[in-house]
Amino acid sequence: MFEVMIESHFSAAHHLLNYNGECERQHGHNWKVEVYLQGDTLDKSGILVDFKILKKEVNELLDTLDHKDINTLEMFKDKSPSSENISQYLYFELKKKFENIKKVSVWETENACASFFEE
C-alpha cells in the first residue's frame, strides 16, 4: 500500500457556535491542511497521484476559504466551523476528485489539529 501527503495553508476567521469560552468570539488562524491519499496501484510513471494535480485541486478548494469569515460561507451556514467540521468538509469535497483520499488533517495552531477519515 502506498500513501502520499501534501500540505497547504490558508488564513481565515471563524467563531464556534454553541461554545462557552473565548472561541465563541470571532478570531483567526493560519490554518495548515494535510491531505493524504492511499492506494496499492501506481501508474506507468510509478506514482500514485501527480503531486502537481493534487496541490492544484487542494489549493483551489482552500482558496474558497482563504481570507474569509468561514461562518458566513454557505457550507457552514448552520454548522460550527470547528477544525473537525472543516476537515470533514474538505475531505468530502476532495473525494469528488480523488476517490482514494484517506484523510484530511486541519491544524489551527502548530500543536492542535483535527482529522477526518472514513473507516
C-alpha atoms as a PDB file:
ATOM      1  CA  MET A   1       0.000   0.000   0.000  1.00  0.00           C
ATOM      2  CA  PHE A   2       1.246   3.477  -0.896  1.00  0.00           C
ATOM      3  CA  GLU A   3       0.395   6.768   0.759  1.00  0.00           C
ATOM      4  CA  VAL A   4       1.107  10.324  -0.339  1.00  0.00           C
ATOM      5  CA  MET A   5       0.543  13.558   1.544  1.00  0.00           C
ATOM      6  CA  ILE A   6       0.630  17.208   0.603  1.00  0.00           C
ATOM      7  CA  GLU A   7       0.495  20.201   2.882  1.00  0.00           C
ATOM      8  CA  SER A   8      -1.057  23.566   2.170  1.00  0.00           C
ATOM      9  CA  HIS A   9      -2.262  26.618   4.083  1.00  0.00           C
ATOM     10  CA  PHE A  10      -4.986  29.218   4.290  1.00  0.00           C
ATOM     11  CA  SER A  11      -5.830  32.098   6.621  1.00  0.00           C
ATOM     12  CA  ALA A  12      -9.363  32.725   7.808  1.00  0.00           C
ATOM     13  CA  ALA A  13     -11.555  33.905  10.646  1.00  0.00           C
ATOM     14  CA  HIS A  14     -14.255  31.951  12.429  1.00  0.00           C
ATOM     15  CA  HIS A  15     -16.102  31.592  15.694  1.00  0.00           C
ATOM     16  CA  LEU A  16     -17.509  28.455  17.248  1.00  0.00           C
ATOM     17  CA  LEU A  17     -21.249  28.030  17.671  1.00  0.00           C
ATOM     18  CA  ASN A  18     -22.744  26.711  20.911  1.00  0.00           C
ATOM     19  CA  TYR A  19     -19.425  27.149  22.684  1.00  0.00           C
ATOM     20  CA  ASN A  20     -18.888  28.821  26.038  1.00  0.00           C
ATOM     21  CA  GLY A  21     -15.469  30.465  26.024  1.00  0.00           C
ATOM     22  CA  GLU A  22     -13.093  32.683  24.111  1.00  0.00           C
ATOM     23  CA  CYS A  23     -13.550  30.794  20.839  1.00  0.00           C
ATOM     24  CA  GLU A  24     -17.198  31.866  20.651  1.00  0.00           C
ATOM     25  CA  ARG A  25     -15.842  35.294  19.661  1.00  0.00           C
ATOM     26  CA  GLN A  26     -14.536  35.830  16.164  1.00  0.00           C
ATOM     27  CA  HIS A  27     -10.830  35.114  15.810  1.00  0.00           C
ATOM     28  CA  GLY A  28      -8.473  33.941  13.094  1.00  0.00           C
ATOM     29  CA  HIS A  29      -5.958  31.227  12.341  1.00  0.00           C
ATOM     30  CA  ASN A  30      -3.260  30.499   9.842  1.00  0.00           C
ATOM     31  CA  TRP A  31      -4.540  27.014   9.122  1.00  0.00           C
ATOM     32  CA  LYS A  32      -2.332  24.179   7.876  1.00  0.00           C
ATOM     33  CA  VAL A  33      -4.020  21.421   5.892  1.00  0.00           C
ATOM     34  CA  GLU A  34      -2.631  17.958   5.197  1.00  0.00           C
ATOM     35  CA  VAL A  35      -4.284  15.756   2.583  1.00  0.00           C
ATOM     36  CA  TYR A  36      -3.492  12.030   2.444  1.00  0.00           C
ATOM     37  CA  LEU A  37      -4.233   9.693  -0.454  1.00  0.00           C
ATOM     38  CA  GLN A  38      -3.709   5.942  -0.393  1.00  0.00           C
ATOM     39  CA  GLY A  39      -3.643   3.164  -2.962  1.00  0.00           C
ATOM     40  CA  ASP A  40      -1.955  -0.037  -3.979  1.00  0.00           C
ATOM     41  CA  THR A  41      -1.628   0.674  -7.696  1.00  0.00           C
ATOM     42  CA  LEU A  42       0.845   3.082  -9.278  1.00  0.00           C
ATOM     43  CA  ASP A  43       0.558   4.497 -12.772  1.00  0.00           C
ATOM     44  CA  LYS A  44       3.091   3.737 -15.527  1.00  0.00           C
ATOM     45  CA  SER A  45       5.306   6.546 -14.173  1.00  0.00           C
ATOM     46  CA  GLY A  46       5.450   4.811 -10.812  1.00  0.00           C
ATOM     47  CA  ILE A  47       3.335   7.377  -8.955  1.00  0.00           C
ATOM     48  CA  LEU A  48       0.073   7.138  -7.045  1.00  0.00           C
ATOM     49  CA  VAL A  49      -1.046  10.661  -7.935  1.00  0.00           C
ATOM     50  CA  ASP A  50       0.701  13.587  -9.568  1.00  0.00           C
ATOM     51  CA  PHE A  51       1.591  15.968  -6.720  1.00  0.00           C
ATOM     52  CA  LYS A  52       1.099  18.907  -9.089  1.00  0.00           C
ATOM     53  CA  ILE A  53      -2.523  17.899  -9.766  1.00  0.00           C
ATOM     54  CA  LEU A  54      -3.231  17.181  -6.101  1.00  0.00           C
ATOM     55  CA  LYS A  55      -1.763  20.520  -4.981  1.00  0.00           C
ATOM     56  CA  LYS A  56      -3.739  22.397  -7.649  1.00  0.00           C
ATOM     57  CA  GLU A  57      -7.059  20.853  -6.587  1.00  0.00           C
ATOM     58  CA  VAL A  58      -6.380  21.352  -2.879  1.00  0.00           C
ATOM     59  CA  ASN A  59      -5.306  24.968  -3.333  1.00  0.00           C
ATOM     60  CA  GLU A  60      -8.353  25.769  -5.472  1.00  0.00           C
ATOM     61  CA  LEU A  61     -10.571  24.412  -2.706  1.00  0.00           C
ATOM     62  CA  LEU A  62      -8.675  26.272   0.024  1.00  0.00           C
ATOM     63  CA  ASP A  63      -8.996  29.494  -1.980  1.00  0.00           C
ATOM     64  CA  THR A  64     -12.744  29.349  -1.241  1.00  0.00           C
ATOM     65  CA  LEU A  65     -11.898  29.641   2.488  1.00  0.00           C
ATOM     66  CA  ASP A  66      -8.822  31.869   2.373  1.00  0.00           C
ATOM     67  CA  HIS A  67      -9.187  35.314   3.954  1.00  0.00           C
ATOM     68  CA  LYS A  68     -12.883  34.735   4.625  1.00  0.00           C
ATOM     69  CA  ASP A  69     -15.085  34.641   7.697  1.00  0.00           C
ATOM     70  CA  ILE A  70     -15.855  30.933   7.486  1.00  0.00           C
ATOM     71  CA  ASN A  71     -19.106  31.348   9.431  1.00  0.00           C
ATOM     72  CA  THR A  72     -20.552  33.407   6.564  1.00  0.00           C
ATOM     73  CA  LEU A  73     -19.898  30.756   3.899  1.00  0.00           C
ATOM     74  CA  GLU A  74     -22.866  28.707   2.687  1.00  0.00           C
ATOM     75  CA  MET A  75     -21.327  25.342   3.645  1.00  0.00           C
ATOM     76  CA  PHE A  76     -21.096  26.474   7.281  1.00  0.00           C
ATOM     77  CA  LYS A  77     -24.374  28.388   7.426  1.00  0.00           C
ATOM     78  CA  ASP A  78     -25.802  26.155  10.160  1.00  0.00           C
ATOM     79  CA  LYS A  79     -22.656  24.319  11.215  1.00  0.00           C
ATOM     80  CA  SER A  80     -19.926  25.358  13.614  1.00  0.00           C
ATOM     81  CA  PRO A  81     -16.674  25.797  11.622  1.00  0.00           C
ATOM     82  CA  SER A  82     -14.529  23.821  14.044  1.00  0.00           C
ATOM     83  CA  SER A  83     -11.334  22.197  12.832  1.00  0.00           C
ATOM     84  CA  GLU A  84     -13.208  18.888  12.900  1.00  0.00           C
ATOM     85  CA  ASN A  85     -16.001  20.168  10.657  1.00  0.00           C
ATOM     86  CA  ILE A  86     -13.573  21.931   8.316  1.00  0.00           C
ATOM     87  CA  SER A  87     -11.568  18.714   7.901  1.00  0.00           C
ATOM     88  CA  GLN A  88     -14.778  16.803   7.129  1.00  0.00           C
ATOM     89  CA  TYR A  89     -15.889  19.421   4.599  1.00  0.00           C
ATOM     90  CA  LEU A  90     -12.515  19.373   2.829  1.00  0.00           C
ATOM     91  CA  TYR A  91     -12.462  15.564   2.817  1.00  0.00           C
ATOM     92  CA  PHE A  92     -15.813  15.193   1.075  1.00  0.00           C
ATOM     93  CA  GLU A  93     -15.103  17.981  -1.412  1.00  0.00           C
ATOM     94  CA  LEU A  94     -11.772  16.375  -2.347  1.00  0.00           C
ATOM     95  CA  LYS A  95     -13.344  12.913  -2.508  1.00  0.00           C
ATOM     96  CA  LYS A  96     -15.292  14.175  -5.537  1.00  0.00           C
ATOM     97  CA  LYS A  97     -11.940  14.413  -7.365  1.00  0.00           C
ATOM     98  CA  PHE A  98      -9.835  11.768  -5.586  1.00  0.00           C
ATOM     99  CA  GLU A  99     -11.727   8.643  -4.617  1.00  0.00           C
ATOM    100  CA  ASN A 100      -8.580   7.242  -2.965  1.00  0.00           C
ATOM    101  CA  ILE A 101      -8.481  10.019  -0.356  1.00  0.00           C
ATOM    102  CA  LYS A 102      -7.589   8.620   3.052  1.00  0.00           C
ATOM    103  CA  LYS A 103      -7.604  11.538   5.480  1.00  0.00           C
ATOM    104  CA  VAL A 104      -7.619  15.322   5.819  1.00  0.00           C
ATOM    105  CA  SER A 105      -5.991  16.970   8.837  1.00  0.00           C
ATOM    106  CA  VAL A 106      -6.577  20.615   9.710  1.00  0.00           C
ATOM    107  CA  TRP A 107      -4.161  22.368  12.057  1.00  0.00           C
ATOM    108  CA  GLU A 108      -5.370  25.591  13.653  1.00  0.00           C
ATOM    109  CA  THR A 109      -2.154  26.001  15.660  1.00  0.00           C
ATOM    110  CA  GLU A 110       1.223  24.312  15.453  1.00  0.00           C
ATOM    111  CA  ASN A 111       0.205  21.882  18.187  1.00  0.00           C
ATOM    112  CA  ALA A 112      -3.553  21.382  17.692  1.00  0.00           C
ATOM    113  CA  CYS A 113      -5.117  19.516  14.804  1.00  0.00           C
ATOM    114  CA  ALA A 114      -8.274  17.611  13.886  1.00  0.00           C
ATOM    115  CA  SER A 115      -8.613  14.958  11.194  1.00  0.00           C
ATOM    116  CA  PHE A 116     -11.441  13.344   9.272  1.00  0.00           C
ATOM    117  CA  PHE A 117     -11.348   9.936   7.607  1.00  0.00           C
ATOM    118  CA  GLU A 118     -13.787   7.154   6.825  1.00  0.00           C
ATOM    119  CA  GLU A 119     -13.443   3.656   8.222  1.00  0.00           C
END
